[in-house]
Amino acid sequence: MNDYEAIRALKARYFRLMDTKDWSGFRELFCDDVVIDVTGSGGEVITGADEFLTFLTPRIGDAITVHHGHTPEIELLSETEATGIWAMEDRLTFPDGTRLHGFGHYHETYAKTDGRWRIRSQRLTRLHMDFTPAQAAPPGGTAE
């Protein structure tokens, strides 16, 4: 598999493992010292793969999530470094019924170590978010 396809497969695993909540598999996708910037989604900048999982899992671990990545722009900088920008769409449904439907881009850098590409840095930017708060159940009924 060439490097472009390996990076595409890395990102495909990223989306699948996050949505299926396979946190140990998800952890393997990142360099140990990864820098994650989710300030564009109301979050913060997190340094370290373990720290990122500590940040992420309580926020989306109980939610039903669907993430899609599209139209990757991948540039190989060397045999061991690359950059990528992915258009993205995500849908999150939280246990209380709150929903988020968002659009934006992942801006990433990659490092190839031990023959495998991993995410070295990631910045999520948002173009649009539809936020639907949970609806209170009517007296004697359930929210729909």
N, C-alpha and C. Protein backbone atom coordinates (compact mmCIF):
# COMPACT_ATOMS: atom_id res chain seq x y z
N MET A 1 0.87 -1.18 0.00
CA MET A 1 0.00 0.00 0.00
C MET A 1 0.90 1.23 0.00
N ASN A 2 0.60 2.17 -0.87
CA ASN A 2 1.42 3.38 -0.87
C ASN A 2 1.05 4.29 0.30
N ASP A 3 1.87 5.31 0.51
CA ASP A 3 1.69 6.18 1.67
C ASP A 3 0.37 6.93 1.65
N TYR A 4 -0.08 7.36 0.46
CA TYR A 4 -1.38 8.06 0.39
C TYR A 4 -2.50 7.14 0.87
N GLU A 5 -2.50 5.91 0.39
CA GLU A 5 -3.54 4.96 0.79
C GLU A 5 -3.42 4.60 2.26
N ALA A 6 -2.21 4.52 2.78
CA ALA A 6 -2.02 4.21 4.20
C ALA A 6 -2.59 5.33 5.07
N ILE A 7 -2.41 6.57 4.67
CA ILE A 7 -2.96 7.70 5.44
C ILE A 7 -4.48 7.73 5.33
N ARG A 8 -5.02 7.43 4.15
CA ARG A 8 -6.48 7.34 4.01
C ARG A 8 -7.04 6.24 4.92
N ALA A 9 -6.35 5.10 4.97
CA ALA A 9 -6.80 4.00 5.82
C ALA A 9 -6.70 4.39 7.30
N LEU A 10 -5.67 5.12 7.66
CA LEU A 10 -5.52 5.62 9.04
C LEU A 10 -6.74 6.45 9.43
N LYS A 11 -7.14 7.36 8.56
CA LYS A 11 -8.27 8.23 8.87
C LYS A 11 -9.58 7.45 8.88
N ALA A 12 -9.71 6.48 8.00
CA ALA A 12 -10.91 5.63 8.02
C ALA A 12 -11.01 4.89 9.35
N ARG A 13 -9.89 4.35 9.84
CA ARG A 13 -9.88 3.69 11.14
C ARG A 13 -10.23 4.68 12.25
N TYR A 14 -9.73 5.91 12.14
CA TYR A 14 -10.03 6.95 13.13
C TYR A 14 -11.54 7.09 13.29
N PHE A 15 -12.24 7.27 12.17
CA PHE A 15 -13.70 7.45 12.24
C PHE A 15 -14.40 6.20 12.77
N ARG A 16 -14.03 5.03 12.26
CA ARG A 16 -14.68 3.79 12.67
C ARG A 16 -14.43 3.48 14.15
N LEU A 17 -13.19 3.59 14.59
CA LEU A 17 -12.87 3.25 15.97
C LEU A 17 -13.50 4.24 16.96
N MET A 18 -13.58 5.52 16.58
CA MET A 18 -14.25 6.49 17.46
C MET A 18 -15.74 6.16 17.55
N ASP A 19 -16.37 5.90 16.41
CA ASP A 19 -17.82 5.67 16.41
C ASP A 19 -18.20 4.34 17.07
N THR A 20 -17.31 3.35 17.03
CA THR A 20 -17.59 2.07 17.68
C THR A 20 -17.07 2.02 19.11
N LYS A 21 -16.45 3.10 19.55
CA LYS A 21 -15.93 3.25 20.92
C LYS A 21 -14.85 2.22 21.24
N ASP A 22 -14.02 1.89 20.25
CA ASP A 22 -12.88 1.00 20.46
C ASP A 22 -11.70 1.88 20.88
N TRP A 23 -11.68 2.24 22.16
CA TRP A 23 -10.72 3.24 22.63
C TRP A 23 -9.28 2.75 22.60
N SER A 24 -9.03 1.46 22.83
CA SER A 24 -7.65 0.98 22.77
C SER A 24 -7.14 1.00 21.33
N GLY A 25 -7.97 0.61 20.37
CA GLY A 25 -7.58 0.70 18.97
C GLY A 25 -7.41 2.14 18.54
N PHE A 26 -8.30 3.00 19.01
CA PHE A 26 -8.24 4.43 18.68
C PHE A 26 -6.94 5.04 19.17
N ARG A 27 -6.53 4.67 20.38
CA ARG A 27 -5.28 5.20 20.96
C ARG A 27 -4.08 4.93 20.08
N GLU A 28 -4.06 3.79 19.42
CA GLU A 28 -2.92 3.39 18.59
C GLU A 28 -2.75 4.24 17.34
N LEU A 29 -3.72 5.07 17.02
CA LEU A 29 -3.66 5.89 15.82
C LEU A 29 -2.82 7.15 16.00
N PHE A 30 -2.42 7.45 17.23
CA PHE A 30 -1.77 8.71 17.55
C PHE A 30 -0.33 8.53 18.00
N CYS A 31 0.50 9.50 17.67
CA CYS A 31 1.83 9.59 18.29
C CYS A 31 1.61 9.87 19.77
N ASP A 32 2.50 9.40 20.61
CA ASP A 32 2.35 9.60 22.05
C ASP A 32 2.23 11.07 22.41
N ASP A 33 2.96 11.93 21.70
CA ASP A 33 2.98 13.37 22.01
C ASP A 33 2.06 14.19 21.10
N VAL A 34 1.02 13.57 20.57
CA VAL A 34 0.10 14.25 19.67
C VAL A 34 -0.42 15.54 20.31
N VAL A 35 -0.68 16.54 19.47
CA VAL A 35 -1.31 17.79 19.92
C VAL A 35 -2.67 17.88 19.21
N ILE A 36 -3.73 17.95 20.00
CA ILE A 36 -5.10 18.00 19.48
C ILE A 36 -5.70 19.36 19.86
N ASP A 37 -6.18 20.07 18.85
CA ASP A 37 -6.78 21.40 19.06
C ASP A 37 -8.25 21.33 18.67
N VAL A 38 -9.12 21.33 19.67
CA VAL A 38 -10.56 21.33 19.42
C VAL A 38 -11.21 22.63 19.91
N THR A 39 -10.41 23.70 19.92
CA THR A 39 -10.96 24.99 20.33
C THR A 39 -12.05 25.45 19.36
N GLY A 40 -11.99 25.02 18.11
CA GLY A 40 -13.01 25.37 17.12
C GLY A 40 -14.35 24.70 17.38
N SER A 41 -14.38 23.75 18.32
CA SER A 41 -15.62 23.09 18.72
C SER A 41 -15.95 23.37 20.18
N GLY A 42 -15.37 24.42 20.72
CA GLY A 42 -15.63 24.77 22.10
C GLY A 42 -14.80 24.01 23.11
N GLY A 43 -13.76 23.31 22.63
CA GLY A 43 -12.91 22.54 23.52
C GLY A 43 -11.62 23.28 23.84
N GLU A 44 -10.55 22.55 23.88
CA GLU A 44 -9.26 23.10 24.28
C GLU A 44 -8.15 22.46 23.47
N VAL A 45 -6.92 22.78 23.78
CA VAL A 45 -5.76 22.15 23.17
C VAL A 45 -5.25 21.10 24.15
N ILE A 46 -5.12 19.87 23.66
CA ILE A 46 -4.68 18.76 24.50
C ILE A 46 -3.38 18.22 23.94
N THR A 47 -2.40 17.98 24.79
CA THR A 47 -1.12 17.40 24.38
C THR A 47 -1.00 16.02 25.00
N GLY A 48 -0.77 15.03 24.14
CA GLY A 48 -0.59 13.66 24.57
C GLY A 48 -1.78 12.79 24.20
N ALA A 49 -1.48 11.59 23.68
CA ALA A 49 -2.55 10.69 23.25
C ALA A 49 -3.40 10.22 24.42
N ASP A 50 -2.76 9.86 25.52
CA ASP A 50 -3.53 9.40 26.68
C ASP A 50 -4.39 10.53 27.24
N GLU A 51 -3.84 11.73 27.24
CA GLU A 51 -4.59 12.90 27.73
C GLU A 51 -5.78 13.18 26.81
N PHE A 52 -5.60 12.99 25.50
CA PHE A 52 -6.71 13.20 24.58
C PHE A 52 -7.85 12.21 24.86
N LEU A 53 -7.51 10.96 25.10
CA LEU A 53 -8.56 9.98 25.41
C LEU A 53 -9.24 10.31 26.73
N THR A 54 -8.46 10.79 27.70
CA THR A 54 -9.05 11.20 28.98
C THR A 54 -10.02 12.36 28.78
N PHE A 55 -9.72 13.25 27.84
CA PHE A 55 -10.60 14.36 27.49
C PHE A 55 -11.83 13.88 26.72
N LEU A 56 -11.61 13.02 25.72
CA LEU A 56 -12.66 12.66 24.76
C LEU A 56 -13.69 11.68 25.31
N THR A 57 -13.25 10.62 25.96
CA THR A 57 -14.18 9.54 26.30
C THR A 57 -15.34 9.97 27.20
N PRO A 58 -15.15 10.82 28.20
CA PRO A 58 -16.33 11.21 28.97
C PRO A 58 -17.27 12.14 28.20
N ARG A 59 -16.76 12.77 27.15
CA ARG A 59 -17.59 13.70 26.39
C ARG A 59 -18.45 13.00 25.35
N ILE A 60 -17.93 11.94 24.72
CA ILE A 60 -18.71 11.27 23.67
C ILE A 60 -18.87 9.77 23.90
N GLY A 61 -18.34 9.25 24.99
CA GLY A 61 -18.38 7.81 25.23
C GLY A 61 -19.77 7.22 25.29
N ASP A 62 -20.74 7.97 25.79
CA ASP A 62 -22.11 7.46 25.88
C ASP A 62 -22.99 7.95 24.73
N ALA A 63 -22.44 8.72 23.84
CA ALA A 63 -23.20 9.25 22.71
C ALA A 63 -23.13 8.29 21.52
N ILE A 64 -24.16 8.32 20.71
CA ILE A 64 -24.12 7.66 19.41
C ILE A 64 -23.48 8.67 18.46
N THR A 65 -22.36 8.28 17.85
CA THR A 65 -21.66 9.21 16.97
C THR A 65 -21.51 8.61 15.58
N VAL A 66 -21.58 9.47 14.59
CA VAL A 66 -21.33 9.08 13.20
C VAL A 66 -20.44 10.15 12.60
N HIS A 67 -19.25 9.76 12.20
CA HIS A 67 -18.28 10.69 11.61
C HIS A 67 -17.96 10.25 10.18
N HIS A 68 -17.93 11.21 9.29
CA HIS A 68 -17.54 10.94 7.90
C HIS A 68 -16.46 11.93 7.50
N GLY A 69 -15.47 11.43 6.78
CA GLY A 69 -14.41 12.27 6.24
C GLY A 69 -14.46 12.20 4.72
N HIS A 70 -14.21 13.33 4.08
CA HIS A 70 -14.35 13.41 2.62
C HIS A 70 -13.18 14.19 2.02
N THR A 71 -12.99 14.00 0.77
CA THR A 71 -12.09 14.78 -0.09
C THR A 71 -10.75 15.11 0.57
N PRO A 72 -9.97 14.09 0.91
CA PRO A 72 -8.69 14.35 1.57
C PRO A 72 -7.71 15.07 0.66
N GLU A 73 -7.02 16.02 1.25
CA GLU A 73 -5.90 16.71 0.58
C GLU A 73 -4.65 16.30 1.34
N ILE A 74 -3.94 15.31 0.83
CA ILE A 74 -2.77 14.76 1.51
C ILE A 74 -1.51 15.20 0.77
N GLU A 75 -0.54 15.68 1.53
CA GLU A 75 0.75 16.07 0.95
C GLU A 75 1.85 15.35 1.71
N LEU A 76 2.63 14.56 0.97
CA LEU A 76 3.79 13.89 1.57
C LEU A 76 4.95 14.87 1.59
N LEU A 77 5.48 15.14 2.78
CA LEU A 77 6.58 16.07 2.92
C LEU A 77 7.93 15.37 2.88
N SER A 78 7.95 14.12 3.32
CA SER A 78 9.15 13.29 3.30
C SER A 78 8.69 11.84 3.43
N GLU A 79 9.61 10.94 3.58
CA GLU A 79 9.23 9.53 3.75
C GLU A 79 8.54 9.27 5.09
N THR A 80 8.68 10.22 6.02
CA THR A 80 8.12 10.00 7.36
C THR A 80 7.23 11.13 7.85
N GLU A 81 6.94 12.12 7.01
CA GLU A 81 6.10 13.25 7.41
C GLU A 81 5.10 13.58 6.32
N ALA A 82 3.88 13.92 6.74
CA ALA A 82 2.84 14.29 5.79
C ALA A 82 1.86 15.23 6.47
N THR A 83 1.06 15.91 5.63
CA THR A 83 -0.03 16.74 6.13
C THR A 83 -1.30 16.33 5.42
N GLY A 84 -2.42 16.66 6.02
CA GLY A 84 -3.70 16.36 5.39
C GLY A 84 -4.79 17.28 5.89
N ILE A 85 -5.73 17.55 5.00
CA ILE A 85 -6.95 18.28 5.36
C ILE A 85 -8.11 17.42 4.88
N TRP A 86 -9.06 17.17 5.75
CA TRP A 86 -10.23 16.35 5.46
C TRP A 86 -11.49 17.16 5.71
N ALA A 87 -12.37 17.26 4.73
CA ALA A 87 -13.71 17.77 4.99
C ALA A 87 -14.42 16.74 5.86
N MET A 88 -15.21 17.20 6.80
CA MET A 88 -15.86 16.26 7.71
C MET A 88 -17.30 16.65 7.98
N GLU A 89 -18.06 15.63 8.36
CA GLU A 89 -19.43 15.80 8.84
C GLU A 89 -19.58 14.86 10.01
N ASP A 90 -20.21 15.34 11.07
CA ASP A 90 -20.47 14.45 12.20
C ASP A 90 -21.87 14.68 12.74
N ARG A 91 -22.41 13.59 13.30
CA ARG A 91 -23.70 13.62 13.98
C ARG A 91 -23.51 12.94 15.32
N LEU A 92 -23.92 13.61 16.36
CA LEU A 92 -23.81 13.06 17.71
C LEU A 92 -25.17 13.14 18.37
N THR A 93 -25.59 12.03 18.98
CA THR A 93 -26.83 12.00 19.75
C THR A 93 -26.47 11.54 21.15
N PHE A 94 -26.71 12.41 22.12
CA PHE A 94 -26.35 12.15 23.50
C PHE A 94 -27.50 11.44 24.21
N PRO A 95 -27.21 10.75 25.31
CA PRO A 95 -28.24 9.98 26.00
C PRO A 95 -29.49 10.78 26.38
N ASP A 96 -29.33 12.07 26.65
CA ASP A 96 -30.51 12.88 27.02
C ASP A 96 -31.30 13.36 25.81
N GLY A 97 -30.87 12.99 24.60
CA GLY A 97 -31.57 13.38 23.38
C GLY A 97 -30.99 14.60 22.69
N THR A 98 -30.05 15.27 23.32
CA THR A 98 -29.38 16.40 22.68
C THR A 98 -28.67 15.91 21.43
N ARG A 99 -28.75 16.70 20.36
CA ARG A 99 -28.11 16.31 19.09
C ARG A 99 -27.25 17.42 18.53
N LEU A 100 -26.17 17.00 17.89
CA LEU A 100 -25.27 17.93 17.19
C LEU A 100 -25.02 17.37 15.79
N HIS A 101 -25.15 18.23 14.80
CA HIS A 101 -24.83 17.88 13.42
C HIS A 101 -23.88 18.96 12.93
N GLY A 102 -22.64 18.55 12.66
CA GLY A 102 -21.63 19.55 12.34
C GLY A 102 -20.91 19.28 11.04
N PHE A 103 -20.30 20.34 10.54
CA PHE A 103 -19.52 20.30 9.30
C PHE A 103 -18.25 21.10 9.51
N GLY A 104 -17.17 20.65 8.93
CA GLY A 104 -15.93 21.40 9.06
C GLY A 104 -14.77 20.66 8.43
N HIS A 105 -13.59 20.85 9.02
CA HIS A 105 -12.37 20.24 8.47
C HIS A 105 -11.45 19.78 9.60
N TYR A 106 -10.80 18.66 9.35
CA TYR A 106 -9.69 18.23 10.17
C TYR A 106 -8.41 18.65 9.45
N HIS A 107 -7.54 19.36 10.14
CA HIS A 107 -6.21 19.74 9.63
C HIS A 107 -5.22 18.90 10.43
N GLU A 108 -4.44 18.06 9.74
CA GLU A 108 -3.62 17.09 10.46
C GLU A 108 -2.19 17.05 9.94
N THR A 109 -1.30 16.60 10.82
CA THR A 109 0.04 16.21 10.42
C THR A 109 0.20 14.75 10.82
N TYR A 110 1.06 14.06 10.09
CA TYR A 110 1.27 12.63 10.30
C TYR A 110 2.75 12.35 10.40
N ALA A 111 3.08 11.31 11.16
CA ALA A 111 4.45 10.83 11.27
C ALA A 111 4.44 9.32 11.04
N LYS A 112 5.42 8.86 10.31
CA LYS A 112 5.57 7.42 10.07
C LYS A 112 6.64 6.90 11.00
N THR A 113 6.22 6.06 11.96
CA THR A 113 7.15 5.46 12.92
C THR A 113 6.91 3.97 12.94
N ASP A 114 7.98 3.22 13.03
CA ASP A 114 7.88 1.75 13.04
C ASP A 114 7.07 1.24 11.84
N GLY A 115 7.21 1.94 10.71
CA GLY A 115 6.53 1.52 9.49
C GLY A 115 5.05 1.84 9.41
N ARG A 116 4.51 2.59 10.41
CA ARG A 116 3.08 2.93 10.43
C ARG A 116 2.87 4.43 10.54
N TRP A 117 1.91 4.92 9.75
CA TRP A 117 1.54 6.32 9.86
C TRP A 117 0.67 6.51 11.10
N ARG A 118 0.93 7.60 11.82
CA ARG A 118 0.12 7.98 12.97
C ARG A 118 -0.16 9.48 12.91
N ILE A 119 -1.19 9.90 13.61
CA ILE A 119 -1.54 11.31 13.67
C ILE A 119 -0.62 11.99 14.68
N ARG A 120 0.10 13.02 14.21
CA ARG A 120 1.00 13.78 15.08
C ARG A 120 0.31 15.02 15.65
N SER A 121 -0.54 15.64 14.84
CA SER A 121 -1.32 16.79 15.33
C SER A 121 -2.64 16.84 14.58
N GLN A 122 -3.62 17.44 15.24
CA GLN A 122 -4.95 17.55 14.64
C GLN A 122 -5.60 18.83 15.15
N ARG A 123 -6.19 19.57 14.21
CA ARG A 123 -6.97 20.76 14.56
C ARG A 123 -8.31 20.65 13.86
N LEU A 124 -9.38 20.70 14.63
CA LEU A 124 -10.73 20.64 14.09
C LEU A 124 -11.28 22.05 13.95
N THR A 125 -11.68 22.40 12.74
CA THR A 125 -12.34 23.69 12.50
C THR A 125 -13.77 23.40 12.08
N ARG A 126 -14.67 24.24 12.50
CA ARG A 126 -16.09 24.07 12.20
C ARG A 126 -16.57 25.17 11.27
N LEU A 127 -17.34 24.78 10.26
CA LEU A 127 -17.99 25.73 9.38
C LEU A 127 -19.42 25.99 9.80
N HIS A 128 -20.05 24.95 10.35
CA HIS A 128 -21.45 25.07 10.72
C HIS A 128 -21.80 23.97 11.72
N MET A 129 -22.64 24.30 12.69
CA MET A 129 -23.15 23.31 13.64
C MET A 129 -24.63 23.55 13.86
N ASP A 130 -25.41 22.49 13.75
CA ASP A 130 -26.82 22.51 14.14
C ASP A 130 -26.90 21.81 15.49
N PHE A 131 -27.38 22.51 16.47
CA PHE A 131 -27.47 21.98 17.83
C PHE A 131 -28.95 21.90 18.20
N THR A 132 -29.39 20.71 18.58
CA THR A 132 -30.78 20.51 18.99
C THR A 132 -30.79 20.07 20.44
N PRO A 133 -31.25 20.93 21.35
CA PRO A 133 -31.27 20.53 22.76
C PRO A 133 -32.29 19.42 23.00
N ALA A 134 -32.08 18.68 24.07
CA ALA A 134 -33.03 17.64 24.47
C ALA A 134 -34.37 18.29 24.74
N GLN A 135 -35.42 17.61 24.35
CA GLN A 135 -36.76 18.13 24.60
C GLN A 135 -37.29 17.49 25.87
N ALA A 136 -37.89 18.32 26.70
CA ALA A 136 -38.47 17.81 27.93
C ALA A 136 -39.68 16.96 27.61
N ALA A 137 -39.85 15.89 28.34
CA ALA A 137 -41.01 15.02 28.15
C ALA A 137 -42.27 15.73 28.61
N PRO A 138 -43.35 15.62 27.84
CA PRO A 138 -44.61 16.22 28.28
C PRO A 138 -45.16 15.45 29.48
N PRO A 139 -46.00 16.07 30.27
CA PRO A 139 -46.56 15.36 31.44
C PRO A 139 -47.22 14.04 31.00
N GLY A 140 -46.80 12.96 31.64
CA GLY A 140 -47.39 11.65 31.36
C GLY A 140 -46.93 11.02 30.06
N GLY A 141 -45.95 11.62 29.38
CA GLY A 141 -45.49 11.09 28.10
C GLY A 141 -43.99 11.07 27.99
N THR A 142 -43.50 10.82 26.81
CA THR A 142 -42.07 10.82 26.57
C THR A 142 -41.74 11.83 25.47
N ALA A 143 -40.56 12.33 25.51
CA ALA A 143 -40.10 13.25 24.48
C ALA A 143 -39.85 12.46 23.20
N GLU A 144 -40.07 13.10 22.07
CA GLU A 144 -39.81 12.45 20.79
C GLU A 144 -38.71 13.17 20.06
